[in-house]
């Protein structure tokens, strides 16, 4: 199957799946594994993603957080309310624009991410098991390149 996946898609019975199909299939598998790992915390994979975005870029508007977390602004509004009610994030006025609220991780949010860091890294290790470090680095670069070309 690995050899078949490496062949470009085309017509015929032996055509390999398209890259788009392979990327989506991988995304769904990653999300399923994340949901399994995160189940005890009560977080979804999308909520976890939003928290990790805040870990890298604390103090974002809801619109910025939505874009960086791959959800709509409406979905993010609901998600922020949930995460705030659980004590994982806090909203504060933006000193540069008082009408704007900035979302930041709380200490509880930071601890939650720390508690699940190793389990989440395990998913990535499982995904790249069998690849050399160079192959894994090339995969990372290729995926980043693909994202940049489409963004």
C-alpha atoms as a PDB file:
ATOM      1  CA  UNK A   1       0.000   0.000   0.000  1.00  0.00           C
ATOM      2  CA  UNK A   2       2.859   2.432   0.732  1.00  0.00           C
ATOM      3  CA  UNK A   3       4.127   2.076  -2.817  1.00  0.00           C
ATOM      4  CA  UNK A   4       0.614   2.620  -4.199  1.00  0.00           C
ATOM      5  CA  UNK A   5       0.196   5.778  -2.110  1.00  0.00           C
ATOM      6  CA  UNK A   6       3.429   7.187  -3.539  1.00  0.00           C
ATOM      7  CA  UNK A   7       2.249   6.910  -7.153  1.00  0.00           C
ATOM      8  CA  UNK A   8       0.451   9.941  -8.547  1.00  0.00           C
ATOM      9  CA  UNK A   9      -3.290   9.673  -8.974  1.00  0.00           C
ATOM     10  CA  UNK A  10      -4.587   8.923 -12.429  1.00  0.00           C
ATOM     11  CA  UNK A  11      -7.105   6.895 -14.341  1.00  0.00           C
ATOM     12  CA  UNK A  12      -7.261   3.144 -14.021  1.00  0.00           C
ATOM     13  CA  UNK A  13      -7.863   0.488 -11.415  1.00  0.00           C
ATOM     14  CA  UNK A  14      -4.410   0.843  -9.821  1.00  0.00           C
ATOM     15  CA  UNK A  15      -4.469   4.652  -9.445  1.00  0.00           C
ATOM     16  CA  UNK A  16      -3.200   5.885  -6.104  1.00  0.00           C
ATOM     17  CA  UNK A  17      -5.339   8.090  -3.891  1.00  0.00           C
ATOM     18  CA  UNK A  18      -4.911  11.807  -4.473  1.00  0.00           C
ATOM     19  CA  UNK A  19      -2.721  13.853  -2.140  1.00  0.00           C
ATOM     20  CA  UNK A  20      -5.836  15.719  -1.015  1.00  0.00           C
ATOM     21  CA  UNK A  21      -7.440  12.426   0.002  1.00  0.00           C
ATOM     22  CA  UNK A  22      -4.297  11.303   1.853  1.00  0.00           C
ATOM     23  CA  UNK A  23      -4.009  14.599   3.739  1.00  0.00           C
ATOM     24  CA  UNK A  24      -7.687  14.519   4.752  1.00  0.00           C
ATOM     25  CA  UNK A  25      -7.461  10.864   5.795  1.00  0.00           C
ATOM     26  CA  UNK A  26      -4.435  11.701   7.953  1.00  0.00           C
ATOM     27  CA  UNK A  27      -6.192  14.699   9.475  1.00  0.00           C
ATOM     28  CA  UNK A  28      -9.182  12.564  10.451  1.00  0.00           C
ATOM     29  CA  UNK A  29      -6.934   9.895  11.988  1.00  0.00           C
ATOM     30  CA  UNK A  30      -5.014  12.519  13.983  1.00  0.00           C
ATOM     31  CA  UNK A  31      -8.246  14.090  15.197  1.00  0.00           C
ATOM     32  CA  UNK A  32      -9.615  10.691  16.275  1.00  0.00           C
ATOM     33  CA  UNK A  33      -6.420   9.925  18.221  1.00  0.00           C
ATOM     34  CA  UNK A  34      -6.495  13.394  19.835  1.00  0.00           C
ATOM     35  CA  UNK A  35     -10.117  12.902  20.857  1.00  0.00           C
ATOM     36  CA  UNK A  36      -9.173   9.556  22.473  1.00  0.00           C
ATOM     37  CA  UNK A  37      -6.220  11.029  24.363  1.00  0.00           C
ATOM     38  CA  UNK A  38      -8.109  14.148  25.468  1.00  0.00           C
ATOM     39  CA  UNK A  39     -11.343  12.404  26.499  1.00  0.00           C
ATOM     40  CA  UNK A  40     -10.504  12.368  30.250  1.00  0.00           C
ATOM     41  CA  UNK A  41      -9.994  16.155  30.160  1.00  0.00           C
ATOM     42  CA  UNK A  42     -13.385  16.831  28.577  1.00  0.00           C
ATOM     43  CA  UNK A  43     -11.667  18.766  25.778  1.00  0.00           C
ATOM     44  CA  UNK A  44     -12.272  18.229  22.092  1.00  0.00           C
ATOM     45  CA  UNK A  45      -9.443  18.237  19.563  1.00  0.00           C
ATOM     46  CA  UNK A  46     -10.614  21.665  18.360  1.00  0.00           C
ATOM     47  CA  UNK A  47     -10.590  23.100  21.896  1.00  0.00           C
ATOM     48  CA  UNK A  48      -7.133  21.648  22.454  1.00  0.00           C
ATOM     49  CA  UNK A  49      -5.959  23.232  19.200  1.00  0.00           C
ATOM     50  CA  UNK A  50      -7.238  26.631  20.331  1.00  0.00           C
ATOM     51  CA  UNK A  51      -5.416  26.294  23.657  1.00  0.00           C
ATOM     52  CA  UNK A  52      -2.162  25.387  21.901  1.00  0.00           C
ATOM     53  CA  UNK A  53      -2.545  28.429  19.647  1.00  0.00           C
ATOM     54  CA  UNK A  54      -2.875  30.601  22.757  1.00  0.00           C
ATOM     55  CA  UNK A  55       0.151  28.887  24.254  1.00  0.00           C
ATOM     56  CA  UNK A  56       2.202  30.069  21.261  1.00  0.00           C
ATOM     57  CA  UNK A  57       0.509  33.482  20.849  1.00  0.00           C
ATOM     58  CA  UNK A  58      -1.163  34.551  24.096  1.00  0.00           C
ATOM     59  CA  UNK A  59      -3.521  37.516  23.997  1.00  0.00           C
ATOM     60  CA  UNK A  60      -5.377  37.068  20.697  1.00  0.00           C
ATOM     61  CA  UNK A  61      -8.749  38.413  19.639  1.00  0.00           C
ATOM     62  CA  UNK A  62     -11.470  35.845  19.026  1.00  0.00           C
ATOM     63  CA  UNK A  63     -11.193  36.477  15.273  1.00  0.00           C
ATOM     64  CA  UNK A  64      -7.424  35.865  15.300  1.00  0.00           C
ATOM     65  CA  UNK A  65      -7.848  32.755  17.435  1.00  0.00           C
ATOM     66  CA  UNK A  66     -10.569  31.429  15.107  1.00  0.00           C
ATOM     67  CA  UNK A  67      -8.343  31.849  12.029  1.00  0.00           C
ATOM     68  CA  UNK A  68      -5.350  30.196  13.686  1.00  0.00           C
ATOM     69  CA  UNK A  69      -7.505  27.370  15.083  1.00  0.00           C
ATOM     70  CA  UNK A  70      -9.264  26.560  11.779  1.00  0.00           C
ATOM     71  CA  UNK A  71     -12.812  27.332  12.940  1.00  0.00           C
ATOM     72  CA  UNK A  72     -15.425  29.974  12.159  1.00  0.00           C
ATOM     73  CA  UNK A  73     -15.787  33.092  14.284  1.00  0.00           C
ATOM     74  CA  UNK A  74     -19.170  31.823  15.563  1.00  0.00           C
ATOM     75  CA  UNK A  75     -17.701  28.451  16.552  1.00  0.00           C
ATOM     76  CA  UNK A  76     -14.847  30.231  18.313  1.00  0.00           C
ATOM     77  CA  UNK A  77     -17.248  32.463  20.251  1.00  0.00           C
ATOM     78  CA  UNK A  78     -18.999  29.354  21.584  1.00  0.00           C
ATOM     79  CA  UNK A  79     -15.664  27.636  22.252  1.00  0.00           C
ATOM     80  CA  UNK A  80     -14.242  30.612  24.162  1.00  0.00           C
ATOM     81  CA  UNK A  81     -17.344  30.748  26.376  1.00  0.00           C
ATOM     82  CA  UNK A  82     -16.913  27.042  27.164  1.00  0.00           C
ATOM     83  CA  UNK A  83     -13.170  27.300  27.799  1.00  0.00           C
ATOM     84  CA  UNK A  84     -13.686  30.400  29.934  1.00  0.00           C
ATOM     85  CA  UNK A  85     -16.411  28.713  32.015  1.00  0.00           C
ATOM     86  CA  UNK A  86     -13.995  25.833  32.690  1.00  0.00           C
ATOM     87  CA  UNK A  87     -11.264  28.245  33.755  1.00  0.00           C
ATOM     88  CA  UNK A  88      -8.879  27.511  30.870  1.00  0.00           C
ATOM     89  CA  UNK A  89      -8.937  30.995  29.324  1.00  0.00           C
ATOM     90  CA  UNK A  90      -9.713  34.527  30.372  1.00  0.00           C
ATOM     91  CA  UNK A  91     -10.847  37.528  28.317  1.00  0.00           C
ATOM     92  CA  UNK A  92      -9.395  40.953  29.093  1.00  0.00           C
ATOM     93  CA  UNK A  93      -9.791  44.354  27.445  1.00  0.00           C
ATOM     94  CA  UNK A  94      -7.122  45.178  24.885  1.00  0.00           C
ATOM     95  CA  UNK A  95      -5.111  48.137  26.258  1.00  0.00           C
ATOM     96  CA  UNK A  96      -4.656  49.411  22.681  1.00  0.00           C
ATOM     97  CA  UNK A  97      -8.372  49.134  21.820  1.00  0.00           C
ATOM     98  CA  UNK A  98     -10.771  49.082  24.764  1.00  0.00           C
ATOM     99  CA  UNK A  99     -13.638  47.743  22.613  1.00  0.00           C
ATOM    100  CA  UNK A 100     -11.632  44.604  21.853  1.00  0.00           C
ATOM    101  CA  UNK A 101     -11.182  41.638  24.167  1.00  0.00           C
ATOM    102  CA  UNK A 102      -7.987  39.595  24.168  1.00  0.00           C
ATOM    103  CA  UNK A 103      -8.086  35.914  25.075  1.00  0.00           C
ATOM    104  CA  UNK A 104      -5.301  34.455  27.194  1.00  0.00           C
ATOM    105  CA  UNK A 105      -4.525  31.125  28.835  1.00  0.00           C
ATOM    106  CA  UNK A 106      -4.987  30.856  32.572  1.00  0.00           C
ATOM    107  CA  UNK A 107      -2.630  28.935  34.841  1.00  0.00           C
ATOM    108  CA  UNK A 108      -5.160  26.084  34.703  1.00  0.00           C
ATOM    109  CA  UNK A 109      -5.040  26.175  30.898  1.00  0.00           C
ATOM    110  CA  UNK A 110      -1.227  26.029  30.933  1.00  0.00           C
ATOM    111  CA  UNK A 111      -1.314  23.088  33.371  1.00  0.00           C
ATOM    112  CA  UNK A 112      -3.832  21.225  31.231  1.00  0.00           C
ATOM    113  CA  UNK A 113      -1.594  21.555  28.168  1.00  0.00           C
ATOM    114  CA  UNK A 114       1.421  20.421  30.189  1.00  0.00           C
ATOM    115  CA  UNK A 115      -0.532  17.404  31.466  1.00  0.00           C
ATOM    116  CA  UNK A 116      -1.331  16.245  27.923  1.00  0.00           C
ATOM    117  CA  UNK A 117       1.884  17.289  26.168  1.00  0.00           C
ATOM    118  CA  UNK A 118       3.540  13.858  26.282  1.00  0.00           C
ATOM    119  CA  UNK A 119       0.418  11.994  25.158  1.00  0.00           C
ATOM    120  CA  UNK A 120      -0.055  14.351  22.218  1.00  0.00           C
ATOM    121  CA  UNK A 121       3.625  14.068  21.268  1.00  0.00           C
ATOM    122  CA  UNK A 122       3.095  10.302  21.333  1.00  0.00           C
ATOM    123  CA  UNK A 123       0.518  10.662  18.553  1.00  0.00           C
ATOM    124  CA  UNK A 124       3.065  12.525  16.449  1.00  0.00           C
ATOM    125  CA  UNK A 125       5.737   9.927  17.200  1.00  0.00           C
ATOM    126  CA  UNK A 126       3.326   7.160  16.209  1.00  0.00           C
ATOM    127  CA  UNK A 127       2.484   8.992  12.990  1.00  0.00           C
ATOM    128  CA  UNK A 128       6.147   9.318  12.009  1.00  0.00           C
ATOM    129  CA  UNK A 129       7.284   5.920  13.298  1.00  0.00           C
ATOM    130  CA  UNK A 130       9.394   4.281  10.625  1.00  0.00           C
ATOM    131  CA  UNK A 131      10.499   7.590   9.115  1.00  0.00           C
ATOM    132  CA  UNK A 132      14.047   8.788   9.560  1.00  0.00           C
ATOM    133  CA  UNK A 133      14.522  12.126  11.303  1.00  0.00           C
ATOM    134  CA  UNK A 134      15.348  13.613   7.893  1.00  0.00           C
ATOM    135  CA  UNK A 135      12.168  12.140   6.370  1.00  0.00           C
ATOM    136  CA  UNK A 136      10.074  13.526   9.238  1.00  0.00           C
ATOM    137  CA  UNK A 137      11.690  16.958   8.785  1.00  0.00           C
ATOM    138  CA  UNK A 138      10.976  16.818   5.041  1.00  0.00           C
ATOM    139  CA  UNK A 139       7.357  15.851   5.747  1.00  0.00           C
ATOM    140  CA  UNK A 140       7.024  18.836   8.094  1.00  0.00           C
ATOM    141  CA  UNK A 141       8.499  21.154   5.441  1.00  0.00           C
ATOM    142  CA  UNK A 142       6.324  19.696   2.668  1.00  0.00           C
ATOM    143  CA  UNK A 143       3.135  20.091   4.703  1.00  0.00           C
ATOM    144  CA  UNK A 144       4.079  23.660   5.657  1.00  0.00           C
ATOM    145  CA  UNK A 145       4.858  24.426   2.015  1.00  0.00           C
ATOM    146  CA  UNK A 146       1.509  23.021   0.883  1.00  0.00           C
ATOM    147  CA  UNK A 147      -0.321  25.090   3.488  1.00  0.00           C
ATOM    148  CA  UNK A 148       1.506  28.281   2.471  1.00  0.00           C
ATOM    149  CA  UNK A 149       0.717  27.737  -1.207  1.00  0.00           C
ATOM    150  CA  UNK A 150      -2.992  27.379  -0.433  1.00  0.00           C
ATOM    151  CA  UNK A 151      -3.283  30.172   2.155  1.00  0.00           C
END
